[in-house]
Amino acid sequence: METLWWIEDSKLGMLVSSSEWGYPIVLSLHALGMAVLVGVSLLLAMRVLGLGKAIPVTALGPYWSVAIGGFVVNLFSGAALFTGSASTLFFNTAFHIKLIGVVIGLALTWWLVKICVRGNGEVSTTHRGIAGGSILAWAVALVAGRLIGYFS
């Protein structure tokens, strides 16, 4: 607990939790980063599931670097948000579920990128299963993230 309180009492923790604009700015950055990351991930997953068949799966490769940018924004803004209330988030079940959803979503999306975008562009039944799992993982992460404020 002492470490968590130390994180909250840091300059960044105080900026996020105690200033008028700190939390809204960091939360907005987090939402934008998530929109980019999850948006590109869902775009790829939906294409693998059969939407937009006229677009080759391999054409979606350049968008992955945009998604990585969204991930970087999310990583830093999420860490900043954590510093604002580390002592409560550390024990929050919805926060744990969100983190698990993000890790699984990232892993499955990376797998799709590796197989479909950087490969030969062939989409198999296995790829469709991975795409469905990716969509589910991102949905879990988003819903759990929204529920963090309601769990203790």
N, C-alpha and C. Protein backbone atom coordinates (compact mmCIF):
# COMPACT_ATOMS: atom_id res chain seq x y z
N MET A 1 0.82 -1.21 0.00
CA MET A 1 0.00 0.00 0.00
C MET A 1 0.86 1.26 0.00
N GLU A 2 1.98 1.20 0.70
CA GLU A 2 2.84 2.39 0.75
C GLU A 2 3.32 2.78 -0.63
N THR A 3 3.65 1.80 -1.46
CA THR A 3 4.09 2.08 -2.82
C THR A 3 2.96 2.72 -3.62
N LEU A 4 1.76 2.21 -3.46
CA LEU A 4 0.61 2.77 -4.18
C LEU A 4 0.33 4.20 -3.76
N TRP A 5 0.44 4.48 -2.47
CA TRP A 5 0.25 5.85 -2.00
C TRP A 5 1.37 6.76 -2.50
N TRP A 6 2.58 6.22 -2.57
CA TRP A 6 3.70 7.00 -3.08
C TRP A 6 3.44 7.37 -4.55
N ILE A 7 2.89 6.41 -5.33
CA ILE A 7 2.56 6.69 -6.73
C ILE A 7 1.50 7.78 -6.82
N GLU A 8 0.49 7.69 -5.98
CA GLU A 8 -0.57 8.71 -5.98
C GLU A 8 -0.05 10.09 -5.57
N ASP A 9 0.92 10.11 -4.66
CA ASP A 9 1.47 11.39 -4.18
C ASP A 9 2.56 11.96 -5.10
N SER A 10 2.89 11.24 -6.17
CA SER A 10 3.88 11.76 -7.11
C SER A 10 3.31 12.99 -7.81
N LYS A 11 4.18 13.74 -8.48
CA LYS A 11 3.71 14.94 -9.20
C LYS A 11 2.67 14.58 -10.25
N LEU A 12 2.91 13.51 -10.98
CA LEU A 12 1.95 13.10 -12.00
C LEU A 12 0.64 12.65 -11.36
N GLY A 13 0.73 11.87 -10.29
CA GLY A 13 -0.48 11.43 -9.60
C GLY A 13 -1.31 12.60 -9.09
N MET A 14 -0.64 13.57 -8.54
CA MET A 14 -1.35 14.77 -8.03
C MET A 14 -1.93 15.59 -9.18
N LEU A 15 -1.19 15.68 -10.28
CA LEU A 15 -1.68 16.42 -11.44
C LEU A 15 -2.97 15.79 -11.96
N VAL A 16 -2.98 14.47 -12.05
CA VAL A 16 -4.16 13.77 -12.57
C VAL A 16 -5.33 13.84 -11.58
N SER A 17 -5.05 13.64 -10.31
CA SER A 17 -6.15 13.53 -9.34
C SER A 17 -6.60 14.87 -8.75
N SER A 18 -5.74 15.87 -8.75
CA SER A 18 -6.07 17.08 -8.01
C SER A 18 -6.21 18.34 -8.83
N SER A 19 -5.71 18.34 -10.06
CA SER A 19 -5.82 19.57 -10.84
C SER A 19 -7.15 19.59 -11.60
N GLU A 20 -7.54 20.78 -11.98
CA GLU A 20 -8.83 20.94 -12.66
C GLU A 20 -8.83 20.29 -14.04
N TRP A 21 -7.72 20.37 -14.76
CA TRP A 21 -7.68 19.89 -16.14
C TRP A 21 -6.88 18.61 -16.33
N GLY A 22 -6.14 18.18 -15.33
CA GLY A 22 -5.29 17.00 -15.49
C GLY A 22 -6.06 15.75 -15.88
N TYR A 23 -7.04 15.41 -15.08
CA TYR A 23 -7.80 14.19 -15.35
C TYR A 23 -8.55 14.25 -16.68
N PRO A 24 -9.30 15.32 -16.97
CA PRO A 24 -10.03 15.35 -18.25
C PRO A 24 -9.11 15.26 -19.47
N ILE A 25 -7.96 15.90 -19.41
CA ILE A 25 -7.04 15.85 -20.55
C ILE A 25 -6.48 14.45 -20.73
N VAL A 26 -6.01 13.85 -19.65
CA VAL A 26 -5.43 12.51 -19.74
C VAL A 26 -6.49 11.49 -20.14
N LEU A 27 -7.69 11.61 -19.60
CA LEU A 27 -8.77 10.69 -19.96
C LEU A 27 -9.15 10.84 -21.43
N SER A 28 -9.16 12.06 -21.94
CA SER A 28 -9.46 12.29 -23.35
C SER A 28 -8.39 11.68 -24.24
N LEU A 29 -7.13 11.84 -23.86
CA LEU A 29 -6.05 11.20 -24.62
C LEU A 29 -6.20 9.68 -24.61
N HIS A 30 -6.59 9.15 -23.47
CA HIS A 30 -6.79 7.70 -23.35
C HIS A 30 -7.91 7.23 -24.27
N ALA A 31 -8.99 7.98 -24.31
CA ALA A 31 -10.12 7.62 -25.18
C ALA A 31 -9.71 7.70 -26.65
N LEU A 32 -8.95 8.72 -27.02
CA LEU A 32 -8.51 8.85 -28.41
C LEU A 32 -7.56 7.72 -28.80
N GLY A 33 -6.62 7.42 -27.93
CA GLY A 33 -5.69 6.31 -28.19
C GLY A 33 -6.43 5.00 -28.33
N MET A 34 -7.41 4.77 -27.48
CA MET A 34 -8.19 3.54 -27.54
C MET A 34 -9.02 3.50 -28.82
N ALA A 35 -9.57 4.63 -29.22
CA ALA A 35 -10.36 4.66 -30.45
C ALA A 35 -9.50 4.27 -31.65
N VAL A 36 -8.28 4.77 -31.70
CA VAL A 36 -7.39 4.45 -32.81
C VAL A 36 -7.00 2.98 -32.77
N LEU A 37 -6.52 2.52 -31.61
CA LEU A 37 -6.06 1.14 -31.48
C LEU A 37 -7.18 0.14 -31.74
N VAL A 38 -8.28 0.31 -31.05
CA VAL A 38 -9.39 -0.63 -31.19
C VAL A 38 -10.05 -0.48 -32.57
N GLY A 39 -10.12 0.73 -33.07
CA GLY A 39 -10.70 0.94 -34.40
C GLY A 39 -9.95 0.18 -35.47
N VAL A 40 -8.64 0.29 -35.48
CA VAL A 40 -7.84 -0.44 -36.47
C VAL A 40 -7.95 -1.95 -36.25
N SER A 41 -7.93 -2.36 -34.98
CA SER A 41 -8.05 -3.79 -34.68
C SER A 41 -9.38 -4.34 -35.17
N LEU A 42 -10.45 -3.60 -34.95
CA LEU A 42 -11.77 -4.04 -35.40
C LEU A 42 -11.87 -4.02 -36.92
N LEU A 43 -11.24 -3.04 -37.55
CA LEU A 43 -11.21 -2.97 -39.01
C LEU A 43 -10.59 -4.24 -39.59
N LEU A 44 -9.46 -4.63 -39.04
CA LEU A 44 -8.78 -5.84 -39.50
C LEU A 44 -9.63 -7.08 -39.21
N ALA A 45 -10.18 -7.16 -38.01
CA ALA A 45 -10.98 -8.33 -37.63
C ALA A 45 -12.22 -8.45 -38.50
N MET A 46 -12.88 -7.35 -38.76
CA MET A 46 -14.09 -7.39 -39.59
C MET A 46 -13.76 -7.80 -41.02
N ARG A 47 -12.61 -7.33 -41.52
CA ARG A 47 -12.21 -7.73 -42.86
C ARG A 47 -11.93 -9.24 -42.92
N VAL A 48 -11.27 -9.76 -41.88
CA VAL A 48 -10.99 -11.20 -41.83
C VAL A 48 -12.29 -11.99 -41.74
N LEU A 49 -13.30 -11.43 -41.07
CA LEU A 49 -14.59 -12.11 -40.96
C LEU A 49 -15.42 -12.04 -42.24
N GLY A 50 -14.96 -11.26 -43.21
CA GLY A 50 -15.64 -11.26 -44.50
C GLY A 50 -16.20 -9.94 -44.97
N LEU A 51 -16.17 -8.92 -44.14
CA LEU A 51 -16.66 -7.60 -44.55
C LEU A 51 -15.66 -6.96 -45.49
N GLY A 52 -16.11 -6.34 -46.54
CA GLY A 52 -15.23 -5.65 -47.48
C GLY A 52 -14.30 -6.58 -48.23
N LYS A 53 -14.85 -7.63 -48.78
CA LYS A 53 -14.03 -8.65 -49.46
C LYS A 53 -13.25 -8.09 -50.65
N ALA A 54 -13.69 -6.96 -51.19
CA ALA A 54 -12.98 -6.37 -52.33
C ALA A 54 -11.62 -5.80 -51.92
N ILE A 55 -11.45 -5.56 -50.62
CA ILE A 55 -10.19 -5.02 -50.11
C ILE A 55 -9.31 -6.20 -49.70
N PRO A 56 -8.12 -6.30 -50.27
CA PRO A 56 -7.23 -7.38 -49.84
C PRO A 56 -6.79 -7.18 -48.38
N VAL A 57 -6.72 -8.27 -47.64
CA VAL A 57 -6.32 -8.19 -46.23
C VAL A 57 -4.94 -7.55 -46.11
N THR A 58 -4.09 -7.85 -47.07
CA THR A 58 -2.72 -7.32 -47.01
C THR A 58 -2.68 -5.80 -47.17
N ALA A 59 -3.75 -5.20 -47.69
CA ALA A 59 -3.79 -3.74 -47.84
C ALA A 59 -3.95 -3.02 -46.50
N LEU A 60 -4.29 -3.76 -45.46
CA LEU A 60 -4.50 -3.15 -44.16
C LEU A 60 -3.21 -3.02 -43.35
N GLY A 61 -2.11 -3.51 -43.87
CA GLY A 61 -0.83 -3.46 -43.16
C GLY A 61 -0.41 -2.09 -42.68
N PRO A 62 -0.47 -1.07 -43.53
CA PRO A 62 -0.02 0.26 -43.09
C PRO A 62 -0.81 0.83 -41.90
N TYR A 63 -2.02 0.37 -41.73
CA TYR A 63 -2.83 0.88 -40.62
C TYR A 63 -2.35 0.36 -39.26
N TRP A 64 -1.61 -0.75 -39.27
CA TRP A 64 -1.12 -1.30 -38.02
C TRP A 64 -0.16 -0.33 -37.34
N SER A 65 0.65 0.40 -38.13
CA SER A 65 1.55 1.38 -37.51
C SER A 65 0.76 2.52 -36.86
N VAL A 66 -0.39 2.85 -37.42
CA VAL A 66 -1.27 3.85 -36.80
C VAL A 66 -1.81 3.29 -35.48
N ALA A 67 -2.18 2.02 -35.48
CA ALA A 67 -2.68 1.37 -34.26
C ALA A 67 -1.60 1.35 -33.18
N ILE A 68 -0.36 1.13 -33.57
CA ILE A 68 0.74 1.15 -32.61
C ILE A 68 0.86 2.54 -31.99
N GLY A 69 0.67 3.57 -32.78
CA GLY A 69 0.66 4.94 -32.24
C GLY A 69 -0.44 5.12 -31.21
N GLY A 70 -1.63 4.58 -31.50
CA GLY A 70 -2.73 4.63 -30.54
C GLY A 70 -2.40 3.87 -29.28
N PHE A 71 -1.72 2.74 -29.42
CA PHE A 71 -1.31 1.96 -28.26
C PHE A 71 -0.33 2.75 -27.38
N VAL A 72 0.61 3.43 -28.00
CA VAL A 72 1.60 4.21 -27.23
C VAL A 72 0.88 5.32 -26.44
N VAL A 73 -0.04 6.01 -27.11
CA VAL A 73 -0.82 7.05 -26.41
C VAL A 73 -1.58 6.42 -25.25
N ASN A 74 -2.19 5.26 -25.48
CA ASN A 74 -2.95 4.57 -24.44
C ASN A 74 -2.06 4.12 -23.29
N LEU A 75 -0.90 3.62 -23.62
CA LEU A 75 0.01 3.14 -22.58
C LEU A 75 0.39 4.27 -21.63
N PHE A 76 0.78 5.40 -22.19
CA PHE A 76 1.21 6.52 -21.34
C PHE A 76 0.03 7.18 -20.63
N SER A 77 -1.09 7.36 -21.33
CA SER A 77 -2.24 7.99 -20.67
C SER A 77 -2.83 7.05 -19.63
N GLY A 78 -2.84 5.74 -19.91
CA GLY A 78 -3.34 4.77 -18.93
C GLY A 78 -2.46 4.73 -17.68
N ALA A 79 -1.15 4.79 -17.89
CA ALA A 79 -0.24 4.83 -16.73
C ALA A 79 -0.47 6.10 -15.92
N ALA A 80 -0.69 7.21 -16.61
CA ALA A 80 -0.96 8.47 -15.90
C ALA A 80 -2.26 8.39 -15.12
N LEU A 81 -3.30 7.81 -15.73
CA LEU A 81 -4.57 7.66 -15.02
C LEU A 81 -4.40 6.76 -13.79
N PHE A 82 -3.60 5.72 -13.93
CA PHE A 82 -3.34 4.82 -12.80
C PHE A 82 -2.68 5.57 -11.65
N THR A 83 -1.75 6.47 -11.96
CA THR A 83 -1.07 7.21 -10.88
C THR A 83 -2.03 8.07 -10.08
N GLY A 84 -3.12 8.49 -10.70
CA GLY A 84 -4.08 9.34 -10.01
C GLY A 84 -4.87 8.63 -8.93
N SER A 85 -5.03 7.32 -9.05
CA SER A 85 -5.78 6.57 -8.03
C SER A 85 -5.27 5.13 -7.94
N ALA A 86 -3.98 5.00 -7.79
CA ALA A 86 -3.33 3.68 -7.78
C ALA A 86 -3.85 2.79 -6.65
N SER A 87 -4.09 3.37 -5.48
CA SER A 87 -4.48 2.55 -4.33
C SER A 87 -5.86 1.93 -4.48
N THR A 88 -6.71 2.51 -5.29
CA THR A 88 -8.03 1.89 -5.52
C THR A 88 -8.02 1.03 -6.78
N LEU A 89 -7.36 1.50 -7.83
CA LEU A 89 -7.34 0.72 -9.08
C LEU A 89 -6.64 -0.62 -8.92
N PHE A 90 -5.61 -0.65 -8.11
CA PHE A 90 -4.83 -1.87 -7.94
C PHE A 90 -5.71 -3.02 -7.45
N PHE A 91 -6.76 -2.71 -6.71
CA PHE A 91 -7.64 -3.73 -6.14
C PHE A 91 -8.99 -3.81 -6.85
N ASN A 92 -9.15 -3.11 -7.96
CA ASN A 92 -10.42 -3.02 -8.67
C ASN A 92 -10.56 -4.18 -9.66
N THR A 93 -11.60 -4.99 -9.49
CA THR A 93 -11.82 -6.16 -10.34
C THR A 93 -12.03 -5.77 -11.80
N ALA A 94 -12.80 -4.74 -12.05
CA ALA A 94 -13.05 -4.30 -13.43
C ALA A 94 -11.75 -3.86 -14.10
N PHE A 95 -10.87 -3.23 -13.35
CA PHE A 95 -9.56 -2.82 -13.88
C PHE A 95 -8.74 -4.04 -14.28
N HIS A 96 -8.75 -5.06 -13.46
CA HIS A 96 -8.03 -6.30 -13.78
C HIS A 96 -8.60 -6.96 -15.04
N ILE A 97 -9.93 -6.99 -15.14
CA ILE A 97 -10.57 -7.58 -16.32
C ILE A 97 -10.23 -6.76 -17.56
N LYS A 98 -10.20 -5.44 -17.43
CA LYS A 98 -9.84 -4.59 -18.55
C LYS A 98 -8.43 -4.90 -19.03
N LEU A 99 -7.49 -4.98 -18.10
CA LEU A 99 -6.11 -5.27 -18.47
C LEU A 99 -5.98 -6.63 -19.17
N ILE A 100 -6.70 -7.61 -18.68
CA ILE A 100 -6.68 -8.93 -19.32
C ILE A 100 -7.26 -8.84 -20.73
N GLY A 101 -8.37 -8.12 -20.88
CA GLY A 101 -8.97 -7.94 -22.20
C GLY A 101 -8.04 -7.24 -23.17
N VAL A 102 -7.32 -6.24 -22.68
CA VAL A 102 -6.37 -5.51 -23.53
C VAL A 102 -5.23 -6.42 -23.97
N VAL A 103 -4.68 -7.17 -23.04
CA VAL A 103 -3.57 -8.07 -23.38
C VAL A 103 -4.01 -9.12 -24.40
N ILE A 104 -5.17 -9.72 -24.17
CA ILE A 104 -5.68 -10.73 -25.10
C ILE A 104 -6.00 -10.09 -26.45
N GLY A 105 -6.64 -8.91 -26.43
CA GLY A 105 -6.96 -8.20 -27.67
C GLY A 105 -5.71 -7.86 -28.47
N LEU A 106 -4.69 -7.37 -27.79
CA LEU A 106 -3.43 -7.07 -28.46
C LEU A 106 -2.79 -8.32 -29.05
N ALA A 107 -2.77 -9.39 -28.27
CA ALA A 107 -2.14 -10.63 -28.74
C ALA A 107 -2.87 -11.18 -29.96
N LEU A 108 -4.19 -11.24 -29.90
CA LEU A 108 -4.95 -11.78 -31.03
C LEU A 108 -4.85 -10.88 -32.26
N THR A 109 -4.87 -9.56 -32.05
CA THR A 109 -4.74 -8.64 -33.18
C THR A 109 -3.35 -8.75 -33.80
N TRP A 110 -2.34 -8.86 -32.96
CA TRP A 110 -0.98 -9.01 -33.48
C TRP A 110 -0.87 -10.31 -34.29
N TRP A 111 -1.52 -11.35 -33.81
CA TRP A 111 -1.53 -12.62 -34.52
C TRP A 111 -2.18 -12.45 -35.90
N LEU A 112 -3.30 -11.72 -35.94
CA LEU A 112 -3.96 -11.46 -37.22
C LEU A 112 -3.06 -10.66 -38.15
N VAL A 113 -2.41 -9.66 -37.61
CA VAL A 113 -1.51 -8.83 -38.43
C VAL A 113 -0.40 -9.70 -39.00
N LYS A 114 0.17 -10.51 -38.16
CA LYS A 114 1.29 -11.36 -38.57
C LYS A 114 0.87 -12.36 -39.65
N ILE A 115 -0.28 -12.99 -39.46
CA ILE A 115 -0.73 -14.03 -40.38
C ILE A 115 -1.34 -13.44 -41.65
N CYS A 116 -2.25 -12.52 -41.49
CA CYS A 116 -3.04 -12.05 -42.63
C CYS A 116 -2.41 -10.89 -43.38
N VAL A 117 -1.86 -9.95 -42.67
CA VAL A 117 -1.36 -8.74 -43.31
C VAL A 117 0.07 -8.93 -43.79
N ARG A 118 0.90 -9.53 -42.96
CA ARG A 118 2.30 -9.71 -43.34
C ARG A 118 2.53 -11.05 -44.05
N GLY A 119 1.50 -11.87 -44.10
CA GLY A 119 1.60 -13.16 -44.78
C GLY A 119 1.15 -13.03 -46.22
N ASN A 120 0.52 -14.07 -46.72
CA ASN A 120 0.11 -14.09 -48.12
C ASN A 120 -1.31 -13.56 -48.34
N GLY A 121 -2.00 -13.18 -47.28
CA GLY A 121 -3.34 -12.62 -47.41
C GLY A 121 -4.45 -13.65 -47.42
N GLU A 122 -4.12 -14.91 -47.27
CA GLU A 122 -5.13 -15.96 -47.24
C GLU A 122 -5.83 -15.95 -45.88
N VAL A 123 -7.16 -16.03 -45.91
CA VAL A 123 -7.95 -16.04 -44.69
C VAL A 123 -8.56 -17.43 -44.52
N SER A 124 -8.29 -18.05 -43.39
CA SER A 124 -8.81 -19.39 -43.11
C SER A 124 -9.84 -19.34 -41.99
N THR A 125 -10.41 -20.48 -41.70
CA THR A 125 -11.37 -20.60 -40.60
C THR A 125 -10.70 -20.26 -39.27
N THR A 126 -9.46 -20.68 -39.11
CA THR A 126 -8.71 -20.35 -37.89
C THR A 126 -8.57 -18.85 -37.74
N HIS A 127 -8.27 -18.17 -38.84
CA HIS A 127 -8.13 -16.71 -38.80
C HIS A 127 -9.45 -16.05 -38.39
N ARG A 128 -10.55 -16.60 -38.88
CA ARG A 128 -11.86 -16.04 -38.51
C ARG A 128 -12.12 -16.23 -37.02
N GLY A 129 -11.70 -17.35 -36.47
CA GLY A 129 -11.84 -17.57 -35.02
C GLY A 129 -11.00 -16.58 -34.22
N ILE A 130 -9.81 -16.34 -34.69
CA ILE A 130 -8.93 -15.36 -34.03
C ILE A 130 -9.57 -13.97 -34.10
N ALA A 131 -10.12 -13.64 -35.27
CA ALA A 131 -10.77 -12.33 -35.44
C ALA A 131 -11.96 -12.18 -34.48
N GLY A 132 -12.78 -13.23 -34.37
CA GLY A 132 -13.91 -13.19 -33.43
C GLY A 132 -13.44 -13.04 -31.99
N GLY A 133 -12.39 -13.76 -31.64
CA GLY A 133 -11.83 -13.64 -30.29
C GLY A 133 -11.28 -12.26 -30.02
N SER A 134 -10.68 -11.67 -31.04
CA SER A 134 -10.15 -10.31 -30.91
C SER A 134 -11.27 -9.31 -30.63
N ILE A 135 -12.34 -9.42 -31.40
CA ILE A 135 -13.49 -8.52 -31.19
C ILE A 135 -14.05 -8.70 -29.79
N LEU A 136 -14.19 -9.93 -29.35
CA LEU A 136 -14.70 -10.20 -28.00
C LEU A 136 -13.77 -9.62 -26.93
N ALA A 137 -12.47 -9.82 -27.09
CA ALA A 137 -11.52 -9.31 -26.10
C ALA A 137 -11.57 -7.78 -26.02
N TRP A 138 -11.64 -7.11 -27.17
CA TRP A 138 -11.72 -5.65 -27.14
C TRP A 138 -13.04 -5.18 -26.52
N ALA A 139 -14.13 -5.89 -26.79
CA ALA A 139 -15.41 -5.52 -26.18
C ALA A 139 -15.35 -5.66 -24.67
N VAL A 140 -14.76 -6.75 -24.20
CA VAL A 140 -14.60 -6.96 -22.75
C VAL A 140 -13.75 -5.83 -22.16
N ALA A 141 -12.65 -5.48 -22.82
CA ALA A 141 -11.77 -4.42 -22.31
C ALA A 141 -12.51 -3.09 -22.24
N LEU A 142 -13.27 -2.77 -23.26
CA LEU A 142 -13.99 -1.49 -23.28
C LEU A 142 -15.08 -1.43 -22.21
N VAL A 143 -15.86 -2.49 -22.11
CA VAL A 143 -16.94 -2.51 -21.10
C VAL A 143 -16.36 -2.50 -19.70
N ALA A 144 -15.34 -3.32 -19.46
CA ALA A 144 -14.72 -3.35 -18.13
C ALA A 144 -14.10 -2.00 -17.79
N GLY A 145 -13.49 -1.35 -18.79
CA GLY A 145 -12.93 -0.02 -18.54
C GLY A 145 -13.98 0.98 -18.13
N ARG A 146 -15.14 0.87 -18.75
CA ARG A 146 -16.24 1.78 -18.39
C ARG A 146 -16.78 1.47 -17.00
N LEU A 147 -16.71 0.21 -16.58
CA LEU A 147 -17.25 -0.20 -15.28
C LEU A 147 -16.28 0.03 -14.11
N ILE A 148 -15.08 0.46 -14.39
CA ILE A 148 -14.10 0.67 -13.32
C ILE A 148 -14.65 1.60 -12.24
N GLY A 149 -15.34 2.63 -12.62
CA GLY A 149 -15.87 3.57 -11.66
C GLY A 149 -16.98 3.01 -10.75
N TYR A 150 -17.54 1.87 -11.15
CA TYR A 150 -18.64 1.29 -10.40
C TYR A 150 -18.24 0.12 -9.52
N PHE A 151 -16.99 -0.32 -9.64
CA PHE A 151 -16.48 -1.42 -8.83
C PHE A 151 -15.48 -0.87 -7.83
N SER A 152 -15.35 -1.56 -6.71
CA SER A 152 -14.34 -1.14 -5.72
C SER A 152 -13.50 -2.30 -5.31
